[in-house]
């Protein structure tokens, strides 16, 4: 299970983020690339304690099912709904937001996983630090693929 806290996965993700261009076109969905790089900051802000997400009680009951579904390998669905706090309606400055995303991601990784051991995910419930790292990677990967920036395929010898 890939985790943003694994050095190789983190470095690969950084390189993929640096590959995005201001004129990258989405293969699905309605976000521009500028909106996507700002949107990708939401879960990082939440995990870092800069953003508090409150979900309706009903969603907190069904959320752990979906969390385990994604942890066990299911991809996020294209065009799936997101929490209101992650929705970007304006057109942000792509380069500024990409730099900020990289800084926030680096800050999360540099801070380590200790904070996450005590943090309950607002939708998915209690997670291990490995699961936190995997879901952070999975969200970034989902949107990088949305803009055609694929993960490196490792060659089997």
N, C-alpha and C. Protein backbone atom coordinates (compact mmCIF):
# COMPACT_ATOMS: atom_id res chain seq x y z
N UNK A 1 0.86 -1.17 0.00
CA UNK A 1 0.00 0.00 0.00
C UNK A 1 0.90 1.23 0.00
N UNK A 2 0.79 2.03 -1.05
CA UNK A 2 1.61 3.24 -1.15
C UNK A 2 1.21 4.25 -0.08
N UNK A 3 2.18 4.95 0.44
CA UNK A 3 1.94 5.98 1.45
C UNK A 3 2.80 7.20 1.12
N UNK A 4 2.23 8.37 1.30
CA UNK A 4 2.97 9.60 1.05
C UNK A 4 4.16 9.72 2.00
N UNK A 5 4.16 8.96 3.09
CA UNK A 5 5.25 9.01 4.05
C UNK A 5 6.43 8.10 3.67
N UNK A 6 6.29 7.33 2.61
CA UNK A 6 7.41 6.53 2.09
C UNK A 6 8.25 7.43 1.19
N UNK A 7 9.54 7.52 1.42
CA UNK A 7 10.38 8.45 0.66
C UNK A 7 10.24 8.32 -0.85
N UNK A 8 10.22 7.11 -1.37
CA UNK A 8 10.12 6.94 -2.83
C UNK A 8 8.78 7.44 -3.36
N UNK A 9 7.70 7.15 -2.65
CA UNK A 9 6.37 7.60 -3.07
C UNK A 9 6.26 9.12 -2.98
N UNK A 10 6.80 9.68 -1.92
CA UNK A 10 6.80 11.13 -1.74
C UNK A 10 7.56 11.81 -2.88
N UNK A 11 8.77 11.33 -3.19
CA UNK A 11 9.59 11.93 -4.26
C UNK A 11 8.91 11.79 -5.61
N UNK A 12 8.34 10.64 -5.88
CA UNK A 12 7.64 10.45 -7.15
C UNK A 12 6.45 11.42 -7.25
N UNK A 13 5.73 11.59 -6.16
CA UNK A 13 4.57 12.50 -6.15
C UNK A 13 5.02 13.93 -6.39
N UNK A 14 6.12 14.34 -5.75
CA UNK A 14 6.66 15.69 -6.00
C UNK A 14 6.99 15.88 -7.47
N UNK A 15 7.64 14.90 -8.08
CA UNK A 15 8.00 15.01 -9.49
C UNK A 15 6.75 15.10 -10.36
N UNK A 16 5.74 14.33 -10.02
CA UNK A 16 4.49 14.40 -10.78
C UNK A 16 3.84 15.77 -10.64
N UNK A 17 3.85 16.33 -9.43
CA UNK A 17 3.28 17.67 -9.22
C UNK A 17 4.04 18.71 -10.04
N UNK A 18 5.34 18.55 -10.13
CA UNK A 18 6.16 19.49 -10.90
C UNK A 18 5.93 19.35 -12.40
N UNK A 19 5.37 18.22 -12.82
CA UNK A 19 5.08 17.97 -14.23
C UNK A 19 3.80 18.68 -14.69
N UNK A 20 2.90 18.92 -13.75
CA UNK A 20 1.66 19.64 -14.11
C UNK A 20 1.99 20.98 -14.75
N UNK A 21 1.19 21.38 -15.69
CA UNK A 21 1.35 22.67 -16.37
C UNK A 21 0.08 23.49 -16.22
N UNK A 22 0.21 24.78 -16.30
CA UNK A 22 -0.95 25.67 -16.17
C UNK A 22 -2.00 25.41 -17.25
N UNK A 23 -1.58 24.84 -18.37
CA UNK A 23 -2.53 24.57 -19.45
C UNK A 23 -2.93 23.10 -19.53
N UNK A 24 -2.63 22.32 -18.49
CA UNK A 24 -3.05 20.91 -18.47
C UNK A 24 -4.57 20.84 -18.51
N UNK A 25 -5.08 19.91 -19.29
CA UNK A 25 -6.52 19.75 -19.49
C UNK A 25 -6.98 18.50 -18.74
N UNK A 26 -8.10 18.63 -18.03
CA UNK A 26 -8.66 17.50 -17.28
C UNK A 26 -9.21 16.44 -18.23
N UNK A 27 -8.95 15.19 -17.90
CA UNK A 27 -9.50 14.08 -18.66
C UNK A 27 -10.91 13.74 -18.19
N UNK A 28 -11.31 14.24 -17.02
CA UNK A 28 -12.66 14.11 -16.51
C UNK A 28 -12.88 15.23 -15.49
N UNK A 29 -14.13 15.43 -15.14
CA UNK A 29 -14.46 16.41 -14.11
C UNK A 29 -14.53 17.83 -14.63
N UNK A 30 -14.83 18.76 -13.72
CA UNK A 30 -15.05 20.15 -14.10
C UNK A 30 -13.98 21.11 -13.59
N UNK A 31 -13.07 20.64 -12.75
CA UNK A 31 -12.04 21.54 -12.20
C UNK A 31 -10.98 21.86 -13.24
N UNK A 32 -10.52 23.09 -13.17
CA UNK A 32 -9.32 23.46 -13.93
C UNK A 32 -8.11 22.93 -13.16
N UNK A 33 -6.95 22.97 -13.77
CA UNK A 33 -5.76 22.50 -13.08
C UNK A 33 -5.43 23.40 -11.88
N UNK A 34 -5.70 24.70 -12.00
CA UNK A 34 -5.48 25.61 -10.87
C UNK A 34 -6.40 25.29 -9.71
N UNK A 35 -7.65 25.01 -10.02
CA UNK A 35 -8.59 24.62 -8.97
C UNK A 35 -8.18 23.28 -8.35
N UNK A 36 -7.70 22.37 -9.16
CA UNK A 36 -7.30 21.06 -8.65
C UNK A 36 -6.13 21.15 -7.68
N UNK A 37 -5.10 21.97 -8.01
CA UNK A 37 -3.96 22.05 -7.08
C UNK A 37 -4.37 22.72 -5.77
N UNK A 38 -5.32 23.63 -5.83
CA UNK A 38 -5.83 24.22 -4.58
C UNK A 38 -6.67 23.18 -3.83
N UNK A 39 -7.53 22.47 -4.54
CA UNK A 39 -8.36 21.43 -3.95
C UNK A 39 -7.51 20.35 -3.26
N UNK A 40 -6.40 19.97 -3.87
CA UNK A 40 -5.53 18.92 -3.31
C UNK A 40 -4.94 19.33 -1.97
N UNK A 41 -4.94 20.61 -1.67
CA UNK A 41 -4.41 21.08 -0.39
C UNK A 41 -5.37 20.77 0.76
N UNK A 42 -6.66 20.60 0.48
CA UNK A 42 -7.66 20.40 1.53
C UNK A 42 -7.36 19.25 2.47
N UNK A 43 -7.19 18.03 1.95
CA UNK A 43 -6.90 16.92 2.85
C UNK A 43 -5.57 17.07 3.60
N UNK A 44 -4.61 17.72 2.98
CA UNK A 44 -3.33 17.96 3.66
C UNK A 44 -3.54 18.96 4.80
N UNK A 45 -4.31 20.02 4.53
CA UNK A 45 -4.64 20.98 5.59
C UNK A 45 -5.39 20.31 6.73
N UNK A 46 -6.30 19.42 6.39
CA UNK A 46 -7.06 18.71 7.41
C UNK A 46 -6.14 17.83 8.25
N UNK A 47 -5.28 17.06 7.62
CA UNK A 47 -4.36 16.18 8.34
C UNK A 47 -3.34 16.97 9.16
N UNK A 48 -3.03 18.18 8.72
CA UNK A 48 -2.06 19.02 9.42
C UNK A 48 -2.69 19.84 10.54
N UNK A 49 -4.01 19.82 10.64
CA UNK A 49 -4.70 20.56 11.68
C UNK A 49 -5.05 21.99 11.32
N UNK A 50 -4.83 22.39 10.07
CA UNK A 50 -5.16 23.75 9.64
C UNK A 50 -6.61 23.91 9.20
N UNK A 51 -7.30 22.78 9.01
CA UNK A 51 -8.68 22.81 8.54
C UNK A 51 -9.47 21.76 9.31
N UNK A 52 -10.60 22.17 9.87
CA UNK A 52 -11.48 21.25 10.58
C UNK A 52 -12.67 20.96 9.70
N UNK A 53 -12.92 19.69 9.49
CA UNK A 53 -14.03 19.24 8.66
C UNK A 53 -15.09 18.62 9.57
N UNK A 54 -16.30 19.11 9.49
CA UNK A 54 -17.42 18.51 10.22
C UNK A 54 -18.35 17.89 9.19
N UNK A 55 -18.68 16.62 9.40
CA UNK A 55 -19.58 15.94 8.47
C UNK A 55 -20.88 15.62 9.20
N UNK A 56 -21.99 15.58 8.47
CA UNK A 56 -23.26 15.20 9.10
C UNK A 56 -23.16 13.81 9.74
N UNK A 57 -23.91 13.61 10.81
CA UNK A 57 -23.86 12.37 11.58
C UNK A 57 -24.02 11.14 10.70
N UNK A 58 -24.97 11.17 9.77
CA UNK A 58 -25.21 10.02 8.90
C UNK A 58 -23.95 9.62 8.15
N UNK A 59 -23.22 10.61 7.63
CA UNK A 59 -22.00 10.31 6.88
C UNK A 59 -20.91 9.74 7.77
N UNK A 60 -20.90 10.15 9.03
CA UNK A 60 -19.90 9.58 9.95
C UNK A 60 -20.20 8.11 10.22
N UNK A 61 -21.44 7.68 10.02
CA UNK A 61 -21.80 6.27 10.20
C UNK A 61 -21.39 5.42 9.01
N UNK A 62 -21.58 5.94 7.80
CA UNK A 62 -21.26 5.15 6.60
C UNK A 62 -19.83 5.40 6.10
N UNK A 63 -19.22 6.50 6.55
CA UNK A 63 -17.89 6.86 6.08
C UNK A 63 -16.83 5.79 6.26
N UNK A 64 -16.77 5.13 7.44
CA UNK A 64 -15.73 4.11 7.62
C UNK A 64 -15.79 2.98 6.58
N UNK A 65 -17.00 2.64 6.11
CA UNK A 65 -17.12 1.64 5.05
C UNK A 65 -16.37 2.10 3.79
N UNK A 66 -16.59 3.35 3.41
CA UNK A 66 -15.93 3.88 2.21
C UNK A 66 -14.43 4.01 2.42
N UNK A 67 -14.03 4.41 3.61
CA UNK A 67 -12.61 4.51 3.90
C UNK A 67 -11.91 3.17 3.69
N UNK A 68 -12.50 2.11 4.22
CA UNK A 68 -11.90 0.78 4.06
C UNK A 68 -11.93 0.33 2.60
N UNK A 69 -12.98 0.70 1.90
CA UNK A 69 -13.07 0.37 0.47
C UNK A 69 -11.88 0.97 -0.29
N UNK A 70 -11.57 2.23 -0.01
CA UNK A 70 -10.47 2.91 -0.70
C UNK A 70 -9.12 2.41 -0.20
N UNK A 71 -9.00 2.13 1.07
CA UNK A 71 -7.75 1.62 1.62
C UNK A 71 -7.43 0.26 1.02
N UNK A 72 -8.46 -0.54 0.79
CA UNK A 72 -8.25 -1.90 0.27
C UNK A 72 -8.05 -1.94 -1.23
N UNK A 73 -8.02 -0.77 -1.89
CA UNK A 73 -7.64 -0.77 -3.29
C UNK A 73 -8.55 -0.07 -4.27
N UNK A 74 -9.80 0.20 -3.89
CA UNK A 74 -10.69 0.87 -4.84
C UNK A 74 -10.19 2.29 -5.12
N UNK A 75 -10.31 2.69 -6.37
CA UNK A 75 -9.95 4.06 -6.74
C UNK A 75 -11.09 4.99 -6.39
N UNK A 76 -10.75 6.28 -6.16
CA UNK A 76 -11.79 7.28 -6.03
C UNK A 76 -12.50 7.36 -7.38
N UNK A 77 -13.81 7.48 -7.34
CA UNK A 77 -14.58 7.55 -8.57
C UNK A 77 -14.37 8.91 -9.23
N UNK A 78 -14.27 8.92 -10.55
CA UNK A 78 -14.18 10.17 -11.29
C UNK A 78 -15.45 10.96 -11.09
N UNK A 79 -15.31 12.22 -10.72
CA UNK A 79 -16.46 13.08 -10.52
C UNK A 79 -17.19 12.85 -9.21
N UNK A 80 -16.59 12.09 -8.28
CA UNK A 80 -17.23 11.83 -7.00
C UNK A 80 -17.40 13.14 -6.22
N UNK A 81 -18.43 13.22 -5.40
CA UNK A 81 -18.62 14.45 -4.61
C UNK A 81 -17.50 14.62 -3.59
N UNK A 82 -17.31 15.85 -3.16
CA UNK A 82 -16.28 16.15 -2.17
C UNK A 82 -16.91 16.98 -1.06
N UNK A 83 -16.20 17.10 0.05
CA UNK A 83 -16.73 17.92 1.15
C UNK A 83 -16.71 19.38 0.71
N UNK A 84 -17.67 20.17 1.17
CA UNK A 84 -17.76 21.58 0.73
C UNK A 84 -16.48 22.38 0.96
N UNK A 85 -15.74 22.08 2.03
CA UNK A 85 -14.53 22.84 2.33
C UNK A 85 -13.43 22.64 1.29
N UNK A 86 -13.52 21.60 0.47
CA UNK A 86 -12.51 21.33 -0.56
C UNK A 86 -12.89 21.89 -1.92
N UNK A 87 -14.10 22.42 -2.05
CA UNK A 87 -14.56 22.93 -3.34
C UNK A 87 -13.94 24.30 -3.61
N UNK A 88 -13.39 24.46 -4.80
CA UNK A 88 -12.76 25.72 -5.22
C UNK A 88 -13.61 26.30 -6.34
N UNK A 89 -14.17 27.48 -6.11
CA UNK A 89 -15.07 28.08 -7.11
C UNK A 89 -14.39 29.18 -7.93
N UNK A 90 -13.35 29.78 -7.37
CA UNK A 90 -12.65 30.83 -8.14
C UNK A 90 -11.57 30.18 -9.01
N UNK A 91 -10.87 30.97 -9.75
CA UNK A 91 -9.77 30.47 -10.58
C UNK A 91 -8.45 30.93 -9.95
N UNK A 92 -7.85 30.09 -9.13
CA UNK A 92 -6.62 30.50 -8.44
C UNK A 92 -5.42 30.55 -9.38
N UNK A 93 -4.39 31.22 -8.92
CA UNK A 93 -3.13 31.28 -9.66
C UNK A 93 -2.46 29.91 -9.57
N UNK A 94 -2.36 29.25 -10.72
CA UNK A 94 -1.86 27.88 -10.76
C UNK A 94 -0.49 27.75 -10.11
N UNK A 95 0.47 28.54 -10.53
CA UNK A 95 1.85 28.36 -10.04
C UNK A 95 1.94 28.65 -8.54
N UNK A 96 1.26 29.68 -8.09
CA UNK A 96 1.25 30.00 -6.66
C UNK A 96 0.68 28.83 -5.86
N UNK A 97 -0.43 28.27 -6.32
CA UNK A 97 -1.09 27.17 -5.60
C UNK A 97 -0.28 25.88 -5.69
N UNK A 98 0.39 25.66 -6.80
CA UNK A 98 1.22 24.45 -6.91
C UNK A 98 2.39 24.54 -5.93
N UNK A 99 3.03 25.71 -5.84
CA UNK A 99 4.13 25.89 -4.88
C UNK A 99 3.61 25.69 -3.46
N UNK A 100 2.45 26.25 -3.16
CA UNK A 100 1.87 26.11 -1.82
C UNK A 100 1.53 24.64 -1.53
N UNK A 101 0.98 23.93 -2.52
CA UNK A 101 0.68 22.51 -2.35
C UNK A 101 1.94 21.73 -2.04
N UNK A 102 3.01 21.96 -2.77
CA UNK A 102 4.27 21.26 -2.53
C UNK A 102 4.80 21.59 -1.14
N UNK A 103 4.71 22.86 -0.74
CA UNK A 103 5.17 23.26 0.60
C UNK A 103 4.35 22.56 1.69
N UNK A 104 3.04 22.52 1.52
CA UNK A 104 2.18 21.89 2.51
C UNK A 104 2.43 20.38 2.57
N UNK A 105 2.58 19.76 1.42
CA UNK A 105 2.86 18.33 1.38
C UNK A 105 4.19 18.03 2.06
N UNK A 106 5.20 18.82 1.75
CA UNK A 106 6.52 18.64 2.37
C UNK A 106 6.42 18.84 3.88
N UNK A 107 5.68 19.83 4.32
CA UNK A 107 5.49 20.07 5.74
C UNK A 107 4.82 18.90 6.44
N UNK A 108 3.80 18.32 5.79
CA UNK A 108 3.11 17.16 6.36
C UNK A 108 4.07 15.99 6.50
N UNK A 109 4.82 15.73 5.45
CA UNK A 109 5.75 14.59 5.47
C UNK A 109 6.87 14.84 6.48
N UNK A 110 7.42 16.05 6.48
CA UNK A 110 8.50 16.37 7.43
C UNK A 110 8.03 16.28 8.88
N UNK A 111 6.76 16.60 9.14
CA UNK A 111 6.24 16.53 10.51
C UNK A 111 6.11 15.10 11.00
N UNK A 112 6.06 14.16 10.07
CA UNK A 112 5.96 12.76 10.46
C UNK A 112 4.53 12.35 10.79
N UNK A 113 4.41 11.15 11.30
CA UNK A 113 3.09 10.56 11.48
C UNK A 113 2.56 10.64 12.91
N UNK A 114 3.34 11.15 13.86
CA UNK A 114 2.91 11.14 15.27
C UNK A 114 1.56 11.83 15.46
N UNK A 115 1.34 12.97 14.82
CA UNK A 115 0.07 13.69 14.98
C UNK A 115 -1.10 12.85 14.49
N UNK A 116 -0.88 12.08 13.44
CA UNK A 116 -1.96 11.30 12.84
C UNK A 116 -2.38 10.13 13.72
N UNK A 117 -1.50 9.70 14.63
CA UNK A 117 -1.85 8.60 15.52
C UNK A 117 -3.02 8.97 16.42
N UNK A 118 -3.21 10.25 16.67
CA UNK A 118 -4.26 10.73 17.58
C UNK A 118 -5.42 11.38 16.82
N UNK A 119 -5.35 11.46 15.51
CA UNK A 119 -6.33 12.21 14.74
C UNK A 119 -7.36 11.27 14.12
N UNK A 120 -8.61 11.58 14.36
CA UNK A 120 -9.71 10.81 13.75
C UNK A 120 -10.06 11.48 12.43
N UNK A 121 -10.12 10.70 11.37
CA UNK A 121 -10.53 11.23 10.07
C UNK A 121 -12.01 11.60 10.17
N UNK A 122 -12.40 12.79 9.70
CA UNK A 122 -13.78 13.25 9.89
C UNK A 122 -14.82 12.38 9.18
N UNK A 123 -14.45 11.71 8.12
CA UNK A 123 -15.40 10.87 7.40
C UNK A 123 -15.10 9.38 7.61
N UNK A 124 -13.84 9.00 7.50
CA UNK A 124 -13.48 7.59 7.50
C UNK A 124 -13.23 7.02 8.90
N UNK A 125 -13.22 7.86 9.93
CA UNK A 125 -13.06 7.37 11.30
C UNK A 125 -11.60 7.16 11.67
N UNK A 126 -11.39 6.22 12.58
CA UNK A 126 -10.03 5.94 13.06
C UNK A 126 -9.22 5.24 11.98
N UNK A 127 -8.04 5.76 11.72
CA UNK A 127 -7.14 5.20 10.71
C UNK A 127 -5.77 5.00 11.32
N UNK A 128 -5.04 4.03 10.80
CA UNK A 128 -3.64 3.91 11.18
C UNK A 128 -2.85 4.98 10.44
N UNK A 129 -1.63 5.23 10.86
CA UNK A 129 -0.81 6.22 10.14
C UNK A 129 -0.53 5.75 8.72
N UNK A 130 -0.40 4.44 8.52
CA UNK A 130 -0.21 3.91 7.16
C UNK A 130 -1.43 4.22 6.30
N UNK A 131 -2.62 4.07 6.87
CA UNK A 131 -3.84 4.35 6.11
C UNK A 131 -3.96 5.84 5.82
N UNK A 132 -3.61 6.70 6.78
CA UNK A 132 -3.60 8.15 6.53
C UNK A 132 -2.69 8.47 5.35
N UNK A 133 -1.48 7.93 5.38
CA UNK A 133 -0.51 8.19 4.32
C UNK A 133 -0.98 7.66 2.97
N UNK A 134 -1.65 6.51 3.01
CA UNK A 134 -2.15 5.92 1.76
C UNK A 134 -3.27 6.78 1.17
N UNK A 135 -4.19 7.23 2.01
CA UNK A 135 -5.29 8.05 1.50
C UNK A 135 -4.80 9.40 1.01
N UNK A 136 -3.80 9.98 1.66
CA UNK A 136 -3.21 11.23 1.15
C UNK A 136 -2.63 10.99 -0.24
N UNK A 137 -1.85 9.91 -0.39
CA UNK A 137 -1.27 9.60 -1.70
C UNK A 137 -2.37 9.34 -2.72
N UNK A 138 -3.39 8.56 -2.32
CA UNK A 138 -4.44 8.18 -3.26
C UNK A 138 -5.19 9.40 -3.78
N UNK A 139 -5.43 10.40 -2.92
CA UNK A 139 -6.12 11.61 -3.35
C UNK A 139 -5.26 12.40 -4.35
N UNK A 140 -3.99 12.55 -4.04
CA UNK A 140 -3.08 13.26 -4.96
C UNK A 140 -2.98 12.51 -6.29
N UNK A 141 -2.80 11.20 -6.21
CA UNK A 141 -2.69 10.38 -7.42
C UNK A 141 -3.95 10.51 -8.28
N UNK A 142 -5.11 10.49 -7.66
CA UNK A 142 -6.38 10.61 -8.38
C UNK A 142 -6.41 11.88 -9.22
N UNK A 143 -6.02 13.00 -8.61
CA UNK A 143 -6.09 14.27 -9.36
C UNK A 143 -4.92 14.44 -10.32
N UNK A 144 -3.79 13.88 -10.02
CA UNK A 144 -2.70 13.92 -11.00
C UNK A 144 -3.08 13.12 -12.25
N UNK A 145 -3.69 11.95 -12.05
CA UNK A 145 -4.17 11.17 -13.20
C UNK A 145 -5.27 11.92 -13.94
N UNK A 146 -6.09 12.68 -13.21
CA UNK A 146 -7.15 13.48 -13.85
C UNK A 146 -6.55 14.41 -14.90
N UNK A 147 -5.34 14.89 -14.66
CA UNK A 147 -4.68 15.81 -15.59
C UNK A 147 -3.57 15.12 -16.39
N UNK A 148 -3.66 13.80 -16.49
CA UNK A 148 -2.78 13.04 -17.38
C UNK A 148 -1.37 12.81 -16.86
N UNK A 149 -1.13 13.02 -15.57
CA UNK A 149 0.21 12.81 -15.01
C UNK A 149 0.19 11.46 -14.30
N UNK A 150 0.63 10.45 -15.03
CA UNK A 150 0.56 9.08 -14.54
C UNK A 150 1.71 8.76 -13.59
N UNK A 151 1.48 7.77 -12.74
CA UNK A 151 2.53 7.28 -11.85
C UNK A 151 3.54 6.50 -12.66
N UNK A 152 4.76 6.49 -12.17
CA UNK A 152 5.82 5.73 -12.80
C UNK A 152 5.47 4.25 -12.73
N UNK A 153 5.66 3.57 -13.84
CA UNK A 153 5.42 2.13 -13.87
C UNK A 153 6.77 1.46 -13.68
N UNK A 154 6.87 0.67 -12.61
CA UNK A 154 8.13 -0.01 -12.34
C UNK A 154 8.22 -1.26 -13.21
N UNK A 155 9.36 -1.42 -13.84
CA UNK A 155 9.59 -2.56 -14.70
C UNK A 155 9.96 -3.77 -13.84
N UNK A 156 9.33 -4.89 -14.10
CA UNK A 156 9.66 -6.14 -13.42
C UNK A 156 10.80 -6.80 -14.18
N UNK A 157 11.83 -7.23 -13.48
CA UNK A 157 12.98 -7.89 -14.14
C UNK A 157 12.78 -9.36 -14.20
